[in-house]
Each structure stands twice: as C-alpha cells, then as structure tokens.
Amino acid sequence: MNDKTVDAKDTSRNQGDASTGQYDRGIVPAEVAARQEREGASFKQTPSLKSEENARTNDQTEDDSIDTTDGYTVDQEGLLNNYAIEPEMYVNEPGDLREEEAELAKERVGELEDANEGSEGELTAKRDLRGKGPGLV
C-alpha cells in the first residue's frame, strides 16, 4: 500500500456511505461531481414555491399563476426529472379529481371484498356450490 496523503475533499466524496446516494460505493462519476460543485446547496433539491420566490427568474409565484413545482423527482445522480401532473384548472371545479379518486378507491375496496368473499363448506369432492364471482380477473 502507498502512504500517500489524500486531500480531504477527495476523501469526503469517496466515503461510499448511503447518504451520498451513488450507484457505486466509493466512486463518484465526474459529471455528478461537477454538477454537485456547480449547483452547490441546490444539488438534489426539487423546486418549491418558496425557492421560486427567491429565484432571479420569479414569474410563477403570483396568485393567478399556475403552480409548476409539482411532479419533480431527483434520481441518485442528482438529475432533476419533471413528470407531467394535470393541474386542476382542467377540471370543472377545484377538488373534483380528489373526490373522484376517493370514490374510485371506495368502489375498488367493495369489489375486492365481493371477490374475496369466503365460501366455507361449499366445496366438496363431489360438487362445487360456490358462486361464480363478480367476473373480476
């Protein structure tokens, strides 16, 4: 082994602990290290209304503007992904989507209860008296 001294900056990057979130233990890709240096405190941070208010390009935080901070995710390498979220402005009344999703969840629970209904004693070696079910696959 070499007894070389290593810069503290390099050792902090190559610790390999779970908090770094890298794919390979002890290896930080060059593009990730460069992005981390460039972005500083905003590395692996998703945009929020609070951070947008402090941005130089603040034109989305007015009361009548659309909230564009939903749908963001960050991968292990610190890349920001923006997935499409349908804003409620396309719905007839605000809150319709949440109510509809809650309604569908209740219906699904009822369907699953019907499908999983117990039929103790109706299955024998000679015949099957159980119902055919609601037709769910």
N, C-alpha and C. Protein backbone atom coordinates (compact mmCIF):
# COMPACT_ATOMS: atom_id res chain seq x y z
N MET A 1 0.82 -1.19 0.00
CA MET A 1 0.00 0.00 0.00
C MET A 1 0.86 1.24 0.00
N ASN A 2 0.37 2.29 -0.62
CA ASN A 2 1.06 3.57 -0.62
C ASN A 2 0.69 4.36 0.62
N ASP A 3 1.62 5.14 1.10
CA ASP A 3 1.36 6.00 2.24
C ASP A 3 1.21 7.44 1.78
N LYS A 4 0.48 7.64 0.68
CA LYS A 4 0.29 8.98 0.14
C LYS A 4 -0.77 9.71 0.96
N THR A 5 -0.60 11.00 1.09
CA THR A 5 -1.63 11.80 1.74
C THR A 5 -2.68 12.14 0.70
N VAL A 6 -3.91 12.11 1.13
CA VAL A 6 -5.02 12.36 0.23
C VAL A 6 -5.73 13.62 0.69
N ASP A 7 -6.13 14.43 -0.27
CA ASP A 7 -6.84 15.66 0.02
C ASP A 7 -8.16 15.35 0.73
N ALA A 8 -8.53 16.14 1.72
CA ALA A 8 -9.76 15.92 2.49
C ALA A 8 -10.99 16.00 1.59
N LYS A 9 -10.94 16.85 0.57
CA LYS A 9 -12.07 16.99 -0.35
C LYS A 9 -12.33 15.68 -1.07
N ASP A 10 -11.26 14.99 -1.48
CA ASP A 10 -11.40 13.72 -2.18
C ASP A 10 -11.93 12.62 -1.27
N THR A 11 -11.49 12.58 -0.02
CA THR A 11 -11.95 11.52 0.87
C THR A 11 -13.42 11.70 1.23
N SER A 12 -13.89 12.92 1.32
CA SER A 12 -15.30 13.12 1.66
C SER A 12 -16.20 12.64 0.53
N ARG A 13 -15.74 12.73 -0.69
CA ARG A 13 -16.54 12.27 -1.82
C ARG A 13 -16.53 10.76 -1.94
N ASN A 14 -15.47 10.12 -1.50
CA ASN A 14 -15.30 8.70 -1.73
C ASN A 14 -15.59 7.85 -0.49
N GLN A 15 -16.35 8.35 0.44
CA GLN A 15 -16.65 7.58 1.64
C GLN A 15 -17.53 6.37 1.33
N GLY A 16 -18.44 6.48 0.37
CA GLY A 16 -19.28 5.35 0.00
C GLY A 16 -20.42 5.08 0.95
N ASP A 17 -20.78 6.03 1.78
CA ASP A 17 -21.90 5.80 2.69
C ASP A 17 -23.22 5.97 1.95
N ALA A 18 -24.29 5.56 2.59
CA ALA A 18 -25.60 5.57 1.94
C ALA A 18 -26.12 6.99 1.70
N SER A 19 -25.63 7.96 2.43
CA SER A 19 -26.15 9.32 2.27
C SER A 19 -25.76 9.95 0.95
N THR A 20 -24.70 9.44 0.29
CA THR A 20 -24.31 10.02 -0.99
C THR A 20 -25.29 9.64 -2.08
N GLY A 21 -25.89 8.45 -2.00
CA GLY A 21 -26.88 8.05 -2.96
C GLY A 21 -26.32 7.71 -4.33
N GLN A 22 -25.07 7.32 -4.39
CA GLN A 22 -24.46 6.96 -5.67
C GLN A 22 -24.73 5.49 -5.97
N TYR A 23 -24.61 5.14 -7.24
CA TYR A 23 -24.81 3.76 -7.64
C TYR A 23 -23.65 2.87 -7.20
N ASP A 24 -22.42 3.37 -7.29
CA ASP A 24 -21.24 2.59 -6.95
C ASP A 24 -20.63 3.10 -5.65
N ARG A 25 -20.31 2.18 -4.75
CA ARG A 25 -19.71 2.57 -3.48
C ARG A 25 -18.30 3.10 -3.72
N GLY A 26 -18.03 4.26 -3.24
CA GLY A 26 -16.69 4.81 -3.31
C GLY A 26 -16.32 5.45 -4.64
N ILE A 27 -17.24 5.44 -5.62
CA ILE A 27 -16.94 6.04 -6.91
C ILE A 27 -17.98 7.11 -7.20
N VAL A 28 -17.52 8.32 -7.43
CA VAL A 28 -18.42 9.41 -7.81
C VAL A 28 -18.11 9.76 -9.26
N PRO A 29 -19.07 9.59 -10.16
CA PRO A 29 -18.81 9.93 -11.56
C PRO A 29 -18.45 11.41 -11.71
N ALA A 30 -17.63 11.70 -12.70
CA ALA A 30 -17.14 13.07 -12.90
C ALA A 30 -18.28 14.04 -13.14
N GLU A 31 -19.28 13.63 -13.93
CA GLU A 31 -20.38 14.56 -14.21
C GLU A 31 -21.22 14.85 -12.97
N VAL A 32 -21.32 13.87 -12.06
CA VAL A 32 -22.06 14.09 -10.82
C VAL A 32 -21.28 15.04 -9.92
N ALA A 33 -19.97 14.84 -9.83
CA ALA A 33 -19.14 15.72 -9.00
C ALA A 33 -19.17 17.15 -9.54
N ALA A 34 -19.13 17.29 -10.87
CA ALA A 34 -19.18 18.63 -11.47
C ALA A 34 -20.53 19.28 -11.22
N ARG A 35 -21.62 18.51 -11.32
CA ARG A 35 -22.96 19.06 -11.07
C ARG A 35 -23.09 19.47 -9.61
N GLN A 36 -22.53 18.66 -8.71
CA GLN A 36 -22.59 18.96 -7.28
C GLN A 36 -21.84 20.25 -6.98
N GLU A 37 -20.69 20.43 -7.58
CA GLU A 37 -19.92 21.65 -7.39
C GLU A 37 -20.65 22.87 -7.95
N ARG A 38 -21.22 22.70 -9.14
CA ARG A 38 -21.89 23.81 -9.84
C ARG A 38 -23.17 24.23 -9.11
N GLU A 39 -23.97 23.25 -8.67
CA GLU A 39 -25.27 23.57 -8.07
C GLU A 39 -25.17 23.92 -6.59
N GLY A 40 -24.15 23.47 -5.93
CA GLY A 40 -23.94 23.82 -4.52
C GLY A 40 -25.06 23.32 -3.63
N ALA A 41 -25.70 24.25 -2.90
CA ALA A 41 -26.74 23.88 -1.94
C ALA A 41 -28.01 23.37 -2.61
N SER A 42 -28.22 23.70 -3.87
CA SER A 42 -29.44 23.25 -4.55
C SER A 42 -29.27 21.89 -5.22
N PHE A 43 -28.14 21.21 -4.99
CA PHE A 43 -27.91 19.88 -5.55
C PHE A 43 -28.90 18.89 -4.94
N LYS A 44 -29.58 18.13 -5.76
CA LYS A 44 -30.60 17.15 -5.37
C LYS A 44 -31.80 17.79 -4.67
N GLN A 45 -32.09 19.03 -4.95
CA GLN A 45 -33.25 19.71 -4.36
C GLN A 45 -34.29 19.95 -5.43
N THR A 46 -35.54 19.63 -5.14
CA THR A 46 -36.61 19.91 -6.09
C THR A 46 -37.11 21.32 -5.88
N PRO A 47 -37.57 21.98 -6.94
CA PRO A 47 -38.07 23.34 -6.79
C PRO A 47 -39.36 23.38 -5.97
N SER A 48 -39.53 24.42 -5.20
CA SER A 48 -40.75 24.63 -4.44
C SER A 48 -41.16 26.09 -4.61
N LEU A 49 -42.36 26.41 -4.19
CA LEU A 49 -42.81 27.81 -4.31
C LEU A 49 -41.90 28.74 -3.54
N LYS A 50 -41.44 28.29 -2.37
CA LYS A 50 -40.57 29.13 -1.56
C LYS A 50 -39.24 29.40 -2.26
N SER A 51 -38.66 28.35 -2.87
CA SER A 51 -37.39 28.56 -3.57
C SER A 51 -37.59 29.36 -4.85
N GLU A 52 -38.76 29.24 -5.48
CA GLU A 52 -39.03 30.00 -6.70
C GLU A 52 -39.21 31.49 -6.40
N GLU A 53 -39.74 31.81 -5.22
CA GLU A 53 -39.91 33.22 -4.86
C GLU A 53 -38.57 33.94 -4.75
N ASN A 54 -37.55 33.21 -4.32
CA ASN A 54 -36.23 33.81 -4.15
C ASN A 54 -35.39 33.77 -5.42
N ALA A 55 -35.88 33.13 -6.47
CA ALA A 55 -35.11 32.98 -7.71
C ALA A 55 -35.08 34.29 -8.49
N ARG A 56 -34.03 34.42 -9.32
CA ARG A 56 -33.91 35.63 -10.15
C ARG A 56 -35.01 35.69 -11.21
N THR A 57 -35.48 34.54 -11.65
CA THR A 57 -36.48 34.49 -12.71
C THR A 57 -37.87 34.25 -12.14
N ASN A 58 -38.23 34.96 -11.10
CA ASN A 58 -39.50 34.75 -10.43
C ASN A 58 -40.64 35.37 -11.25
N ASP A 59 -41.34 34.51 -12.00
CA ASP A 59 -42.54 34.97 -12.69
C ASP A 59 -43.68 33.97 -12.52
N GLN A 60 -43.50 33.00 -11.63
CA GLN A 60 -44.50 31.96 -11.45
C GLN A 60 -45.12 31.94 -10.06
N THR A 61 -44.82 32.89 -9.21
CA THR A 61 -45.33 32.81 -7.84
C THR A 61 -46.43 33.82 -7.56
N GLU A 62 -46.97 34.42 -8.59
CA GLU A 62 -48.09 35.34 -8.38
C GLU A 62 -49.34 34.52 -8.08
N ASP A 63 -50.35 35.16 -7.50
CA ASP A 63 -51.55 34.44 -7.09
C ASP A 63 -52.29 33.81 -8.27
N ASP A 64 -52.30 34.47 -9.42
CA ASP A 64 -53.06 33.96 -10.55
C ASP A 64 -52.25 33.07 -11.49
N SER A 65 -51.02 32.74 -11.13
CA SER A 65 -50.20 31.88 -11.99
C SER A 65 -50.37 30.41 -11.60
N ILE A 66 -49.98 29.53 -12.49
CA ILE A 66 -50.11 28.10 -12.28
C ILE A 66 -48.94 27.60 -11.44
N ASP A 67 -49.21 26.68 -10.53
CA ASP A 67 -48.15 26.08 -9.72
C ASP A 67 -47.41 25.05 -10.58
N THR A 68 -46.17 25.33 -10.90
CA THR A 68 -45.38 24.44 -11.76
C THR A 68 -44.34 23.66 -10.98
N THR A 69 -44.46 23.59 -9.67
CA THR A 69 -43.44 22.91 -8.87
C THR A 69 -43.80 21.46 -8.55
N ASP A 70 -44.97 20.99 -8.96
CA ASP A 70 -45.36 19.60 -8.72
C ASP A 70 -44.78 18.70 -9.80
N GLY A 71 -44.56 17.44 -9.46
CA GLY A 71 -44.13 16.46 -10.44
C GLY A 71 -42.63 16.28 -10.55
N TYR A 72 -41.86 16.99 -9.75
CA TYR A 72 -40.40 16.87 -9.83
C TYR A 72 -39.91 15.70 -8.98
N THR A 73 -38.94 14.96 -9.51
CA THR A 73 -38.23 13.93 -8.75
C THR A 73 -36.74 14.11 -9.01
N VAL A 74 -35.92 13.55 -8.13
CA VAL A 74 -34.47 13.62 -8.27
C VAL A 74 -33.94 12.19 -8.22
N ASP A 75 -33.11 11.81 -9.19
CA ASP A 75 -32.54 10.47 -9.17
C ASP A 75 -31.27 10.45 -8.33
N GLN A 76 -30.62 9.28 -8.24
CA GLN A 76 -29.46 9.13 -7.37
C GLN A 76 -28.27 9.97 -7.82
N GLU A 77 -28.22 10.30 -9.09
CA GLU A 77 -27.11 11.10 -9.59
C GLU A 77 -27.38 12.60 -9.49
N GLY A 78 -28.53 12.97 -8.97
CA GLY A 78 -28.84 14.38 -8.79
C GLY A 78 -29.53 15.01 -9.98
N LEU A 79 -29.95 14.21 -10.96
CA LEU A 79 -30.65 14.76 -12.12
C LEU A 79 -32.11 15.01 -11.75
N LEU A 80 -32.62 16.13 -12.18
CA LEU A 80 -33.99 16.53 -11.89
C LEU A 80 -34.89 16.06 -13.02
N ASN A 81 -35.97 15.37 -12.69
CA ASN A 81 -36.96 14.92 -13.67
C ASN A 81 -38.26 15.64 -13.37
N ASN A 82 -38.97 16.06 -14.41
CA ASN A 82 -40.25 16.72 -14.24
C ASN A 82 -41.31 15.91 -14.96
N TYR A 83 -42.16 15.24 -14.19
CA TYR A 83 -43.22 14.42 -14.76
C TYR A 83 -44.50 15.24 -14.84
N ALA A 84 -45.28 14.97 -15.85
CA ALA A 84 -46.49 15.74 -16.09
C ALA A 84 -47.52 15.48 -15.00
N ILE A 85 -48.06 16.55 -14.47
CA ILE A 85 -49.14 16.50 -13.49
C ILE A 85 -50.27 17.33 -14.08
N GLU A 86 -51.47 16.74 -14.14
CA GLU A 86 -52.58 17.50 -14.70
C GLU A 86 -53.07 18.51 -13.66
N PRO A 87 -52.93 19.79 -13.95
CA PRO A 87 -53.39 20.78 -12.98
C PRO A 87 -54.91 20.79 -12.90
N GLU A 88 -55.40 21.22 -11.76
CA GLU A 88 -56.84 21.21 -11.55
C GLU A 88 -57.57 22.26 -12.37
N MET A 89 -56.86 23.08 -13.10
CA MET A 89 -57.54 24.08 -13.91
C MET A 89 -58.29 23.43 -15.06
N TYR A 90 -57.96 22.18 -15.41
CA TYR A 90 -58.64 21.50 -16.50
C TYR A 90 -59.87 20.74 -16.01
N VAL A 91 -60.16 20.79 -14.74
CA VAL A 91 -61.31 20.12 -14.17
C VAL A 91 -62.40 21.15 -13.97
N ASN A 92 -63.65 20.70 -13.99
CA ASN A 92 -64.77 21.64 -13.88
C ASN A 92 -64.72 22.47 -12.61
N GLU A 93 -64.51 21.82 -11.49
CA GLU A 93 -64.43 22.55 -10.23
C GLU A 93 -63.20 22.06 -9.46
N PRO A 94 -62.50 22.94 -8.76
CA PRO A 94 -61.34 22.51 -7.98
C PRO A 94 -61.75 21.46 -6.95
N GLY A 95 -60.94 20.43 -6.82
CA GLY A 95 -61.23 19.36 -5.87
C GLY A 95 -61.93 18.17 -6.49
N ASP A 96 -62.38 18.29 -7.76
CA ASP A 96 -63.07 17.19 -8.42
C ASP A 96 -62.20 15.94 -8.51
N LEU A 97 -60.94 16.13 -8.86
CA LEU A 97 -60.05 14.97 -9.03
C LEU A 97 -59.87 14.21 -7.72
N ARG A 98 -59.70 14.91 -6.62
CA ARG A 98 -59.51 14.23 -5.33
C ARG A 98 -60.76 13.46 -4.94
N GLU A 99 -61.92 14.07 -5.14
CA GLU A 99 -63.17 13.40 -4.79
C GLU A 99 -63.37 12.16 -5.66
N GLU A 100 -63.06 12.28 -6.94
CA GLU A 100 -63.23 11.16 -7.86
C GLU A 100 -62.28 10.01 -7.50
N GLU A 101 -61.05 10.33 -7.15
CA GLU A 101 -60.09 9.29 -6.76
C GLU A 101 -60.53 8.60 -5.48
N ALA A 102 -61.06 9.35 -4.51
CA ALA A 102 -61.53 8.76 -3.27
C ALA A 102 -62.73 7.84 -3.54
N GLU A 103 -63.62 8.26 -4.43
CA GLU A 103 -64.78 7.46 -4.80
C GLU A 103 -64.35 6.15 -5.45
N LEU A 104 -63.40 6.23 -6.38
CA LEU A 104 -62.90 5.03 -7.06
C LEU A 104 -62.23 4.08 -6.08
N ALA A 105 -61.52 4.62 -5.10
CA ALA A 105 -60.87 3.77 -4.10
C ALA A 105 -61.91 3.02 -3.28
N LYS A 106 -63.01 3.69 -2.90
CA LYS A 106 -64.07 3.03 -2.14
C LYS A 106 -64.73 1.93 -2.97
N GLU A 107 -64.97 2.20 -4.26
CA GLU A 107 -65.57 1.19 -5.13
C GLU A 107 -64.66 -0.02 -5.25
N ARG A 108 -63.37 0.22 -5.38
CA ARG A 108 -62.41 -0.87 -5.53
C ARG A 108 -62.37 -1.74 -4.28
N VAL A 109 -62.45 -1.12 -3.11
CA VAL A 109 -62.47 -1.89 -1.86
C VAL A 109 -63.70 -2.79 -1.82
N GLY A 110 -64.85 -2.26 -2.23
CA GLY A 110 -66.08 -3.06 -2.28
C GLY A 110 -65.97 -4.22 -3.25
N GLU A 111 -65.38 -3.97 -4.42
CA GLU A 111 -65.21 -5.04 -5.41
C GLU A 111 -64.29 -6.13 -4.88
N LEU A 112 -63.22 -5.73 -4.21
CA LEU A 112 -62.29 -6.72 -3.67
C LEU A 112 -62.93 -7.54 -2.56
N GLU A 113 -63.78 -6.92 -1.74
CA GLU A 113 -64.47 -7.66 -0.69
C GLU A 113 -65.41 -8.69 -1.31
N ASP A 114 -66.12 -8.31 -2.39
CA ASP A 114 -67.00 -9.26 -3.07
C ASP A 114 -66.21 -10.41 -3.68
N ALA A 115 -65.08 -10.09 -4.29
CA ALA A 115 -64.28 -11.12 -4.96
C ALA A 115 -63.64 -12.07 -3.96
N ASN A 116 -63.30 -11.60 -2.78
CA ASN A 116 -62.63 -12.42 -1.77
C ASN A 116 -63.60 -13.00 -0.75
N GLU A 117 -64.88 -12.99 -1.05
CA GLU A 117 -65.89 -13.48 -0.12
C GLU A 117 -65.66 -14.96 0.17
N GLY A 118 -65.65 -15.29 1.44
CA GLY A 118 -65.39 -16.68 1.84
C GLY A 118 -66.59 -17.57 1.59
N SER A 119 -66.34 -18.80 1.20
CA SER A 119 -67.40 -19.78 0.95
C SER A 119 -67.03 -21.09 1.64
N GLU A 120 -67.00 -21.07 2.95
CA GLU A 120 -66.62 -22.25 3.71
C GLU A 120 -67.67 -23.34 3.57
N GLY A 121 -67.24 -24.57 3.31
CA GLY A 121 -68.14 -25.72 3.28
C GLY A 121 -68.88 -25.92 1.98
N GLU A 122 -68.75 -25.05 1.00
CA GLU A 122 -69.49 -25.19 -0.25
C GLU A 122 -68.70 -25.94 -1.32
N LEU A 123 -67.45 -26.29 -1.03
CA LEU A 123 -66.63 -27.04 -1.97
C LEU A 123 -66.38 -28.42 -1.38
N THR A 124 -66.91 -29.44 -2.07
CA THR A 124 -66.70 -30.82 -1.63
C THR A 124 -66.05 -31.60 -2.76
N ALA A 125 -65.75 -32.86 -2.49
CA ALA A 125 -65.13 -33.70 -3.51
C ALA A 125 -66.11 -34.00 -4.64
N LYS A 126 -67.42 -33.96 -4.36
CA LYS A 126 -68.42 -34.30 -5.37
C LYS A 126 -68.91 -33.09 -6.16
N ARG A 127 -69.01 -31.93 -5.50
CA ARG A 127 -69.57 -30.77 -6.23
C ARG A 127 -69.06 -29.46 -5.64
N ASP A 128 -69.24 -28.41 -6.43
CA ASP A 128 -68.80 -27.06 -6.07
C ASP A 128 -70.02 -26.16 -6.07
N LEU A 129 -70.46 -25.72 -4.89
CA LEU A 129 -71.65 -24.88 -4.76
C LEU A 129 -71.31 -23.40 -4.61
N ARG A 130 -70.04 -23.08 -4.78
CA ARG A 130 -69.65 -21.68 -4.63
C ARG A 130 -70.16 -20.87 -5.81
N GLY A 131 -70.38 -19.57 -5.58
CA GLY A 131 -70.79 -18.67 -6.66
C GLY A 131 -69.65 -18.46 -7.65
N LYS A 132 -70.01 -17.99 -8.82
CA LYS A 132 -69.01 -17.78 -9.86
C LYS A 132 -68.26 -16.46 -9.70
N GLY A 133 -68.70 -15.61 -8.81
CA GLY A 133 -67.98 -14.36 -8.55
C GLY A 133 -68.45 -13.22 -9.44
N PRO A 134 -67.90 -12.04 -9.23
CA PRO A 134 -68.33 -10.86 -9.97
C PRO A 134 -67.71 -10.76 -11.36
N GLY A 135 -66.85 -11.70 -11.73
CA GLY A 135 -66.26 -11.66 -13.06
C GLY A 135 -64.97 -10.88 -13.14
N LEU A 136 -64.35 -10.61 -12.00
CA LEU A 136 -63.08 -9.90 -12.00
C LEU A 136 -61.96 -10.85 -12.39
N VAL A 137 -61.02 -10.34 -13.11
CA VAL A 137 -59.87 -11.16 -13.50
C VAL A 137 -58.71 -10.83 -12.60
